[in-house]
PDB file of N, CA and C in Angstrom:
ATOM      1  N   MET A   1      -6.129 -29.307 -30.180  1.00  0.00           N
ATOM      2  CA  MET A   1      -6.543 -30.378 -31.074  1.00  0.00           C
ATOM      3  C   MET A   1      -5.795 -30.227 -32.399  1.00  0.00           C
ATOM      4  N   VAL A   2      -5.233 -31.311 -32.860  1.00  0.00           N
ATOM      5  CA  VAL A   2      -4.476 -31.316 -34.108  1.00  0.00           C
ATOM      6  C   VAL A   2      -5.453 -31.318 -35.279  1.00  0.00           C
ATOM      7  N   SER A   3      -5.104 -30.554 -36.274  1.00  0.00           N
ATOM      8  CA  SER A   3      -5.945 -30.427 -37.461  1.00  0.00           C
ATOM      9  C   SER A   3      -6.055 -31.758 -38.212  1.00  0.00           C
ATOM     10  N   ASN A   4      -7.211 -31.988 -38.809  1.00  0.00           N
ATOM     11  CA  ASN A   4      -7.406 -33.195 -39.619  1.00  0.00           C
ATOM     12  C   ASN A   4      -6.463 -33.229 -40.807  1.00  0.00           C
ATOM     13  N   THR A   5      -6.064 -32.063 -41.302  1.00  0.00           N
ATOM     14  CA  THR A   5      -5.135 -31.996 -42.430  1.00  0.00           C
ATOM     15  C   THR A   5      -3.786 -32.592 -42.057  1.00  0.00           C
ATOM     16  N   ILE A   6      -3.315 -32.288 -40.862  1.00  0.00           N
ATOM     17  CA  ILE A   6      -2.028 -32.831 -40.407  1.00  0.00           C
ATOM     18  C   ILE A   6      -2.131 -34.340 -40.231  1.00  0.00           C
ATOM     19  N   ILE A   7      -3.199 -34.799 -39.641  1.00  0.00           N
ATOM     20  CA  ILE A   7      -3.387 -36.240 -39.444  1.00  0.00           C
ATOM     21  C   ILE A   7      -3.461 -36.955 -40.786  1.00  0.00           C
ATOM     22  N   THR A   8      -4.158 -36.366 -41.742  1.00  0.00           N
ATOM     23  CA  THR A   8      -4.254 -36.958 -43.077  1.00  0.00           C
ATOM     24  C   THR A   8      -2.892 -36.983 -43.759  1.00  0.00           C
ATOM     25  N   ALA A   9      -2.117 -35.912 -43.618  1.00  0.00           N
ATOM     26  CA  ALA A   9      -0.790 -35.853 -44.233  1.00  0.00           C
ATOM     27  C   ALA A   9       0.145 -36.901 -43.631  1.00  0.00           C
ATOM     28  N   VAL A  10       0.106 -37.053 -42.321  1.00  0.00           N
ATOM     29  CA  VAL A  10       0.950 -38.057 -41.657  1.00  0.00           C
ATOM     30  C   VAL A  10       0.524 -39.461 -42.078  1.00  0.00           C
ATOM     31  N   SER A  11      -0.765 -39.689 -42.148  1.00  0.00           N
ATOM     32  CA  SER A  11      -1.273 -40.990 -42.589  1.00  0.00           C
ATOM     33  C   SER A  11      -0.835 -41.283 -44.021  1.00  0.00           C
ATOM     34  N   LEU A  12      -0.887 -40.277 -44.875  1.00  0.00           N
ATOM     35  CA  LEU A  12      -0.454 -40.435 -46.263  1.00  0.00           C
ATOM     36  C   LEU A  12       1.039 -40.744 -46.347  1.00  0.00           C
ATOM     37  N   LEU A  13       1.824 -40.117 -45.490  1.00  0.00           N
ATOM     38  CA  LEU A  13       3.261 -40.387 -45.455  1.00  0.00           C
ATOM     39  C   LEU A  13       3.536 -41.849 -45.099  1.00  0.00           C
ATOM     40  N   PHE A  14       2.830 -42.370 -44.113  1.00  0.00           N
ATOM     41  CA  PHE A  14       3.020 -43.769 -43.738  1.00  0.00           C
ATOM     42  C   PHE A  14       2.570 -44.706 -44.857  1.00  0.00           C
ATOM     43  N   ARG A  15       1.492 -44.365 -45.551  1.00  0.00           N
ATOM     44  CA  ARG A  15       1.039 -45.178 -46.696  1.00  0.00           C
ATOM     45  C   ARG A  15       2.081 -45.161 -47.811  1.00  0.00           C
ATOM     46  N   LEU A  16       2.698 -44.007 -48.035  1.00  0.00           N
ATOM     47  CA  LEU A  16       3.750 -43.890 -49.039  1.00  0.00           C
ATOM     48  C   LEU A  16       4.933 -44.785 -48.692  1.00  0.00           C
ATOM     49  N   LEU A  17       5.309 -44.803 -47.420  1.00  0.00           N
ATOM     50  CA  LEU A  17       6.415 -45.664 -46.994  1.00  0.00           C
ATOM     51  C   LEU A  17       6.066 -47.142 -47.150  1.00  0.00           C
ATOM     52  N   GLU A  18       4.826 -47.514 -46.855  1.00  0.00           N
ATOM     53  CA  GLU A  18       4.395 -48.901 -47.061  1.00  0.00           C
ATOM     54  C   GLU A  18       4.477 -49.281 -48.535  1.00  0.00           C
ATOM     55  N   ALA A  19       4.011 -48.394 -49.400  1.00  0.00           N
ATOM     56  CA  ALA A  19       4.067 -48.656 -50.842  1.00  0.00           C
ATOM     57  C   ALA A  19       5.511 -48.747 -51.316  1.00  0.00           C
ATOM     58  N   ALA A  20       6.382 -47.902 -50.778  1.00  0.00           N
ATOM     59  CA  ALA A  20       7.793 -47.934 -51.163  1.00  0.00           C
ATOM     60  C   ALA A  20       8.441 -49.254 -50.757  1.00  0.00           C
ATOM     61  N   ILE A  21       8.086 -49.785 -49.597  1.00  0.00           N
ATOM     62  CA  ILE A  21       8.625 -51.082 -49.177  1.00  0.00           C
ATOM     63  C   ILE A  21       8.157 -52.175 -50.127  1.00  0.00           C
ATOM     64  N   LEU A  22       6.879 -52.151 -50.484  1.00  0.00           N
ATOM     65  CA  LEU A  22       6.370 -53.152 -51.432  1.00  0.00           C
ATOM     66  C   LEU A  22       7.062 -53.040 -52.787  1.00  0.00           C
ATOM     67  N   ILE A  23       7.256 -51.820 -53.272  1.00  0.00           N
ATOM     68  CA  ILE A  23       7.957 -51.629 -54.545  1.00  0.00           C
ATOM     69  C   ILE A  23       9.392 -52.119 -54.435  1.00  0.00           C
ATOM     70  N   ASP A  24      10.037 -51.856 -53.304  1.00  0.00           N
ATOM     71  CA  ASP A  24      11.410 -52.317 -53.085  1.00  0.00           C
ATOM     72  C   ASP A  24      11.489 -53.838 -53.132  1.00  0.00           C
ATOM     73  N   VAL A  25      10.525 -54.503 -52.517  1.00  0.00           N
ATOM     74  CA  VAL A  25      10.490 -55.969 -52.541  1.00  0.00           C
ATOM     75  C   VAL A  25      10.314 -56.466 -53.972  1.00  0.00           C
ATOM     76  N   LEU A  26       9.378 -55.877 -54.695  1.00  0.00           N
ATOM     77  CA  LEU A  26       9.150 -56.289 -56.085  1.00  0.00           C
ATOM     78  C   LEU A  26      10.378 -56.038 -56.951  1.00  0.00           C
ATOM     79  N   LEU A  27      11.031 -54.904 -56.763  1.00  0.00           N
ATOM     80  CA  LEU A  27      12.238 -54.619 -57.536  1.00  0.00           C
ATOM     81  C   LEU A  27      13.358 -55.606 -57.220  1.00  0.00           C
ATOM     82  N   SER A  28      13.422 -56.066 -55.987  1.00  0.00           N
ATOM     83  CA  SER A  28      14.470 -57.032 -55.638  1.00  0.00           C
ATOM     84  C   SER A  28      14.243 -58.374 -56.321  1.00  0.00           C
ATOM     85  N   TRP A  29      12.992 -58.690 -56.658  1.00  0.00           N
ATOM     86  CA  TRP A  29      12.697 -59.931 -57.383  1.00  0.00           C
ATOM     87  C   TRP A  29      12.848 -59.750 -58.886  1.00  0.00           C
ATOM     88  N   ILE A  30      12.374 -58.614 -59.398  1.00  0.00           N
ATOM     89  CA  ILE A  30      12.345 -58.393 -60.841  1.00  0.00           C
ATOM     90  C   ILE A  30      13.722 -58.023 -61.381  1.00  0.00           C
ATOM     91  N   ALA A  31      14.374 -57.078 -60.741  1.00  0.00           N
ATOM     92  CA  ALA A  31      15.655 -56.579 -61.246  1.00  0.00           C
ATOM     93  C   ALA A  31      16.642 -56.401 -60.099  1.00  0.00           C
ATOM     94  N   PRO A  32      17.145 -57.517 -59.551  1.00  0.00           N
ATOM     95  CA  PRO A  32      18.087 -57.389 -58.432  1.00  0.00           C
ATOM     96  C   PRO A  32      19.390 -56.725 -58.879  1.00  0.00           C
ATOM     97  N   GLY A  33      19.894 -55.831 -58.062  1.00  0.00           N
ATOM     98  CA  GLY A  33      21.155 -55.168 -58.354  1.00  0.00           C
ATOM     99  C   GLY A  33      21.044 -54.026 -59.343  1.00  0.00           C
ATOM    100  N   ARG A  34      19.864 -53.751 -59.829  1.00  0.00           N
ATOM    101  CA  ARG A  34      19.674 -52.687 -60.812  1.00  0.00           C
ATOM    102  C   ARG A  34      19.787 -51.336 -60.121  1.00  0.00           C
ATOM    103  N   ARG A  35      20.520 -50.435 -60.738  1.00  0.00           N
ATOM    104  CA  ARG A  35      20.687 -49.087 -60.186  1.00  0.00           C
ATOM    105  C   ARG A  35      20.284 -48.059 -61.237  1.00  0.00           C
ATOM    106  N   ASP A  36      19.167 -47.435 -61.025  1.00  0.00           N
ATOM    107  CA  ASP A  36      18.713 -46.327 -61.857  1.00  0.00           C
ATOM    108  C   ASP A  36      18.091 -45.294 -60.924  1.00  0.00           C
ATOM    109  N   PRO A  37      17.725 -44.113 -61.416  1.00  0.00           N
ATOM    110  CA  PRO A  37      17.196 -43.077 -60.513  1.00  0.00           C
ATOM    111  C   PRO A  37      15.964 -43.508 -59.717  1.00  0.00           C
ATOM    112  N   PHE A  38      15.044 -44.239 -60.336  1.00  0.00           N
ATOM    113  CA  PHE A  38      13.840 -44.670 -59.619  1.00  0.00           C
ATOM    114  C   PHE A  38      14.192 -45.648 -58.502  1.00  0.00           C
ATOM    115  N   THR A  39      15.020 -46.640 -58.816  1.00  0.00           N
ATOM    116  CA  THR A  39      15.426 -47.627 -57.811  1.00  0.00           C
ATOM    117  C   THR A  39      16.192 -46.952 -56.674  1.00  0.00           C
ATOM    118  N   ASN A  40      17.072 -46.032 -57.016  1.00  0.00           N
ATOM    119  CA  ASN A  40      17.818 -45.307 -55.982  1.00  0.00           C
ATOM    120  C   ASN A  40      16.885 -44.488 -55.092  1.00  0.00           C
ATOM    121  N   PHE A  41      15.857 -43.890 -55.693  1.00  0.00           N
ATOM    122  CA  PHE A  41      14.881 -43.119 -54.914  1.00  0.00           C
ATOM    123  C   PHE A  41      14.124 -44.026 -53.947  1.00  0.00           C
ATOM    124  N   ILE A  42      13.680 -45.180 -54.433  1.00  0.00           N
ATOM    125  CA  ILE A  42      12.956 -46.128 -53.574  1.00  0.00           C
ATOM    126  C   ILE A  42      13.855 -46.595 -52.435  1.00  0.00           C
ATOM    127  N   HIS A  43      15.126 -46.902 -52.752  1.00  0.00           N
ATOM    128  CA  HIS A  43      16.051 -47.330 -51.699  1.00  0.00           C
ATOM    129  C   HIS A  43      16.288 -46.211 -50.680  1.00  0.00           C
ATOM    130  N   SER A  44      16.341 -44.971 -51.144  1.00  0.00           N
ATOM    131  CA  SER A  44      16.553 -43.869 -50.198  1.00  0.00           C
ATOM    132  C   SER A  44      15.359 -43.704 -49.252  1.00  0.00           C
ATOM    133  N   LEU A  45      14.165 -44.070 -49.721  1.00  0.00           N
ATOM    134  CA  LEU A  45      12.988 -44.019 -48.847  1.00  0.00           C
ATOM    135  C   LEU A  45      12.937 -45.190 -47.871  1.00  0.00           C
ATOM    136  N   THR A  46      13.321 -46.374 -48.333  1.00  0.00           N
ATOM    137  CA  THR A  46      13.128 -47.581 -47.525  1.00  0.00           C
ATOM    138  C   THR A  46      14.325 -47.949 -46.657  1.00  0.00           C
ATOM    139  N   ASP A  47      15.521 -47.518 -47.012  1.00  0.00           N
ATOM    140  CA  ASP A  47      16.703 -47.926 -46.248  1.00  0.00           C
ATOM    141  C   ASP A  47      16.652 -47.572 -44.761  1.00  0.00           C
ATOM    142  N   PRO A  48      16.130 -46.405 -44.367  1.00  0.00           N
ATOM    143  CA  PRO A  48      16.063 -46.135 -42.923  1.00  0.00           C
ATOM    144  C   PRO A  48      15.198 -47.131 -42.148  1.00  0.00           C
ATOM    145  N   LEU A  49      14.272 -47.799 -42.817  1.00  0.00           N
ATOM    146  CA  LEU A  49      13.457 -48.828 -42.158  1.00  0.00           C
ATOM    147  C   LEU A  49      14.017 -50.224 -42.380  1.00  0.00           C
ATOM    148  N   MET A  50      14.571 -50.459 -43.558  1.00  0.00           N
ATOM    149  CA  MET A  50      15.026 -51.804 -43.904  1.00  0.00           C
ATOM    150  C   MET A  50      16.347 -52.174 -43.216  1.00  0.00           C
ATOM    151  N   LYS A  51      17.246 -51.224 -43.043  1.00  0.00           N
ATOM    152  CA  LYS A  51      18.530 -51.545 -42.408  1.00  0.00           C
ATOM    153  C   LYS A  51      18.359 -52.046 -40.974  1.00  0.00           C
ATOM    154  N   PRO A  52      17.579 -51.378 -40.118  1.00  0.00           N
ATOM    155  CA  PRO A  52      17.364 -51.941 -38.775  1.00  0.00           C
ATOM    156  C   PRO A  52      16.643 -53.290 -38.819  1.00  0.00           C
ATOM    157  N   ALA A  53      15.731 -53.453 -39.773  1.00  0.00           N
ATOM    158  CA  ALA A  53      15.013 -54.724 -39.891  1.00  0.00           C
ATOM    159  C   ALA A  53      15.965 -55.840 -40.315  1.00  0.00           C
ATOM    160  N   ARG A  54      16.871 -55.553 -41.252  1.00  0.00           N
ATOM    161  CA  ARG A  54      17.864 -56.560 -41.669  1.00  0.00           C
ATOM    162  C   ARG A  54      18.820 -56.888 -40.526  1.00  0.00           C
ATOM    163  N   SER A  55      19.206 -55.867 -39.787  1.00  0.00           N
ATOM    164  CA  SER A  55      20.081 -56.089 -38.640  1.00  0.00           C
ATOM    165  C   SER A  55      19.398 -56.974 -37.601  1.00  0.00           C
ATOM    166  N   PHE A  56      18.121 -56.713 -37.340  1.00  0.00           N
ATOM    167  CA  PHE A  56      17.355 -57.531 -36.400  1.00  0.00           C
ATOM    168  C   PHE A  56      17.265 -58.972 -36.892  1.00  0.00           C
ATOM    169  N   GLN A  57      16.997 -59.149 -38.176  1.00  0.00           N
ATOM    170  CA  GLN A  57      16.899 -60.504 -38.727  1.00  0.00           C
ATOM    171  C   GLN A  57      18.237 -61.227 -38.616  1.00  0.00           C
ATOM    172  N   ASN A  58      19.338 -60.525 -38.888  1.00  0.00           N
ATOM    173  CA  ASN A  58      20.651 -61.160 -38.794  1.00  0.00           C
ATOM    174  C   ASN A  58      20.997 -61.555 -37.365  1.00  0.00           C
ATOM    175  N   LYS A  59      20.453 -60.845 -36.388  1.00  0.00           N
ATOM    176  CA  LYS A  59      20.706 -61.194 -34.992  1.00  0.00           C
ATOM    177  C   LYS A  59      19.916 -62.421 -34.561  1.00  0.00           C
ATOM    178  N   ILE A  60      18.663 -62.538 -35.015  1.00  0.00           N
ATOM    179  CA  ILE A  60      17.848 -63.665 -34.555  1.00  0.00           C
ATOM    180  C   ILE A  60      18.009 -64.907 -35.421  1.00  0.00           C
ATOM    181  N   ALA A  61      18.354 -64.729 -36.693  1.00  0.00           N
ATOM    182  CA  ALA A  61      18.530 -65.872 -37.604  1.00  0.00           C
ATOM    183  C   ALA A  61      19.584 -65.505 -38.645  1.00  0.00           C
ATOM    184  N   PRO A  62      20.870 -65.631 -38.293  1.00  0.00           N
ATOM    185  CA  PRO A  62      21.929 -65.118 -39.166  1.00  0.00           C
ATOM    186  C   PRO A  62      22.061 -65.816 -40.525  1.00  0.00           C
ATOM    187  N   ASN A  63      21.730 -67.061 -40.636  1.00  0.00           N
ATOM    188  CA  ASN A  63      21.948 -67.786 -41.889  1.00  0.00           C
ATOM    189  C   ASN A  63      20.652 -68.115 -42.616  1.00  0.00           C
ATOM    190  N   LEU A  64      19.648 -67.302 -42.422  1.00  0.00           N
ATOM    191  CA  LEU A  64      18.351 -67.552 -43.036  1.00  0.00           C
ATOM    192  C   LEU A  64      18.410 -67.233 -44.530  1.00  0.00           C
ATOM    193  N   MET A  65      17.866 -68.127 -45.341  1.00  0.00           N
ATOM    194  CA  MET A  65      17.905 -67.955 -46.792  1.00  0.00           C
ATOM    195  C   MET A  65      16.840 -66.978 -47.291  1.00  0.00           C
ATOM    196  N   ILE A  66      15.786 -66.773 -46.537  1.00  0.00           N
ATOM    197  CA  ILE A  66      14.694 -65.894 -46.944  1.00  0.00           C
ATOM    198  C   ILE A  66      14.801 -64.584 -46.171  1.00  0.00           C
ATOM    199  N   ASP A  67      14.625 -63.486 -46.880  1.00  0.00           N
ATOM    200  CA  ASP A  67      14.714 -62.162 -46.267  1.00  0.00           C
ATOM    201  C   ASP A  67      13.347 -61.748 -45.728  1.00  0.00           C
ATOM    202  N   PHE A  68      13.215 -61.787 -44.417  1.00  0.00           N
ATOM    203  CA  PHE A  68      11.976 -61.373 -43.765  1.00  0.00           C
ATOM    204  C   PHE A  68      12.029 -59.915 -43.309  1.00  0.00           C
ATOM    205  N   SER A  69      13.075 -59.198 -43.669  1.00  0.00           N
ATOM    206  CA  SER A  69      13.213 -57.817 -43.202  1.00  0.00           C
ATOM    207  C   SER A  69      12.064 -56.907 -43.635  1.00  0.00           C
ATOM    208  N   PRO A  70      11.435 -57.093 -44.812  1.00  0.00           N
ATOM    209  CA  PRO A  70      10.271 -56.243 -45.108  1.00  0.00           C
ATOM    210  C   PRO A  70       9.129 -56.431 -44.109  1.00  0.00           C
ATOM    211  N   ILE A  71       8.942 -57.645 -43.623  1.00  0.00           N
ATOM    212  CA  ILE A  71       7.893 -57.886 -42.627  1.00  0.00           C
ATOM    213  C   ILE A  71       8.235 -57.158 -41.328  1.00  0.00           C
ATOM    214  N   PHE A  72       9.504 -57.250 -40.918  1.00  0.00           N
ATOM    215  CA  PHE A  72       9.934 -56.529 -39.720  1.00  0.00           C
ATOM    216  C   PHE A  72       9.813 -55.015 -39.932  1.00  0.00           C
ATOM    217  N   ALA A  73      10.099 -54.548 -41.146  1.00  0.00           N
ATOM    218  CA  ALA A  73       9.972 -53.116 -41.446  1.00  0.00           C
ATOM    219  C   ALA A  73       8.516 -52.670 -41.363  1.00  0.00           C
ATOM    220  N   PHE A  74       7.588 -53.515 -41.840  1.00  0.00           N
ATOM    221  CA  PHE A  74       6.166 -53.184 -41.721  1.00  0.00           C
ATOM    222  C   PHE A  74       5.746 -53.110 -40.254  1.00  0.00           C
ATOM    223  N   ILE A  75       6.257 -54.021 -39.440  1.00  0.00           N
ATOM    224  CA  ILE A  75       5.938 -53.994 -38.009  1.00  0.00           C
ATOM    225  C   ILE A  75       6.502 -52.726 -37.369  1.00  0.00           C
ATOM    226  N   LEU A  76       7.749 -52.394 -37.704  1.00  0.00           N
ATOM    227  CA  LEU A  76       8.367 -51.175 -37.187  1.00  0.00           C
ATOM    228  C   LEU A  76       7.585 -49.941 -37.625  1.00  0.00           C
ATOM    229  N   LEU A  77       7.166 -49.919 -38.874  1.00  0.00           N
ATOM    230  CA  LEU A  77       6.385 -48.797 -39.391  1.00  0.00           C
ATOM    231  C   LEU A  77       5.044 -48.673 -38.670  1.00  0.00           C
ATOM    232  N   ASP A  78       4.428 -49.793 -38.368  1.00  0.00           N
ATOM    233  CA  ASP A  78       3.152 -49.773 -37.650  1.00  0.00           C
ATOM    234  C   ASP A  78       3.331 -49.244 -36.226  1.00  0.00           C
ATOM    235  N   VAL A  79       4.405 -49.654 -35.565  1.00  0.00           N
ATOM    236  CA  VAL A  79       4.689 -49.156 -34.217  1.00  0.00           C
ATOM    237  C   VAL A  79       4.935 -47.645 -34.261  1.00  0.00           C
ATOM    238  N   LEU A  80       5.720 -47.200 -35.245  1.00  0.00           N
ATOM    239  CA  LEU A  80       5.981 -45.768 -35.382  1.00  0.00           C
ATOM    240  C   LEU A  80       4.698 -44.988 -35.671  1.00  0.00           C
ATOM    241  N   ARG A  81       3.844 -45.544 -36.534  1.00  0.00           N
ATOM    242  CA  ARG A  81       2.574 -44.884 -36.860  1.00  0.00           C
ATOM    243  C   ARG A  81       1.722 -44.717 -35.601  1.00  0.00           C
ATOM    244  N   ASN A  82       1.601 -45.784 -34.831  1.00  0.00           N
ATOM    245  CA  ASN A  82       0.803 -45.710 -33.600  1.00  0.00           C
ATOM    246  C   ASN A  82       1.381 -44.698 -32.620  1.00  0.00           C
ATOM    247  N   LEU A  83       2.699 -44.681 -32.501  1.00  0.00           N
ATOM    248  CA  LEU A  83       3.361 -43.733 -31.607  1.00  0.00           C
ATOM    249  C   LEU A  83       3.108 -42.292 -32.053  1.00  0.00           C
ATOM    250  N   VAL A  84       3.239 -42.038 -33.348  1.00  0.00           N
ATOM    251  CA  VAL A  84       3.015 -40.682 -33.864  1.00  0.00           C
ATOM    252  C   VAL A  84       1.573 -40.253 -33.639  1.00  0.00           C
ATOM    253  N   PHE A  85       0.620 -41.156 -33.881  1.00  0.00           N
ATOM    254  CA  PHE A  85      -0.784 -40.786 -33.692  1.00  0.00           C
ATOM    255  C   PHE A  85      -1.133 -40.589 -32.219  1.00  0.00           C
ATOM    256  N   VAL A  86      -0.484 -41.323 -31.332  1.00  0.00           N
ATOM    257  CA  VAL A  86      -0.697 -41.083 -29.900  1.00  0.00           C
ATOM    258  C   VAL A  86      -0.159 -39.705 -29.524  1.00  0.00           C
ATOM    259  N   ILE A  87       1.022 -39.375 -30.037  1.00  0.00           N
ATOM    260  CA  ILE A  87       1.607 -38.060 -29.747  1.00  0.00           C
ATOM    261  C   ILE A  87       0.740 -36.946 -30.334  1.00  0.00           C
ATOM    262  N   LEU A  88       0.284 -37.127 -31.577  1.00  0.00           N
ATOM    263  CA  LEU A  88      -0.582 -36.111 -32.187  1.00  0.00           C
ATOM    264  C   LEU A  88      -1.914 -35.990 -31.452  1.00  0.00           C
ATOM    265  N   GLY A  89      -2.381 -37.080 -30.881  1.00  0.00           N
ATOM    266  CA  GLY A  89      -3.637 -37.053 -30.143  1.00  0.00           C
ATOM    267  C   GLY A  89      -3.559 -36.265 -28.852  1.00  0.00           C
ATOM    268  N   MET A  90      -2.339 -36.035 -28.348  1.00  0.00           N
ATOM    269  CA  MET A  90      -2.166 -35.272 -27.120  1.00  0.00           C
ATOM    270  C   MET A  90      -2.390 -33.781 -27.335  1.00  0.00           C
ATOM    271  N   PHE A  91      -2.269 -33.328 -28.568  1.00  0.00           N
ATOM    272  CA  PHE A  91      -2.352 -31.880 -28.840  1.00  0.00           C
ATOM    273  C   PHE A  91      -3.711 -31.476 -29.305  1.00  0.00           C
TER     274      PHE A  91
END
């Protein structure tokens, strides 16, 4: 049986990634193109999720004016969360 501490830590990690995606979206509206240490840190957290989501969006709707990649990233994050918790539940 996996310790509750590990489950809580993994859950907190996923919440942190969700918050980082939201901050990334807000930063893209407030200060697009801005490069400072905080923005770079947020991008380093979100890029592994956002790049596949942007690629998926470009495949299904290449000329779309609205960026739906954060929504796809949230869906991907939810699938990953469920997968991790199923794997942790096996132990």
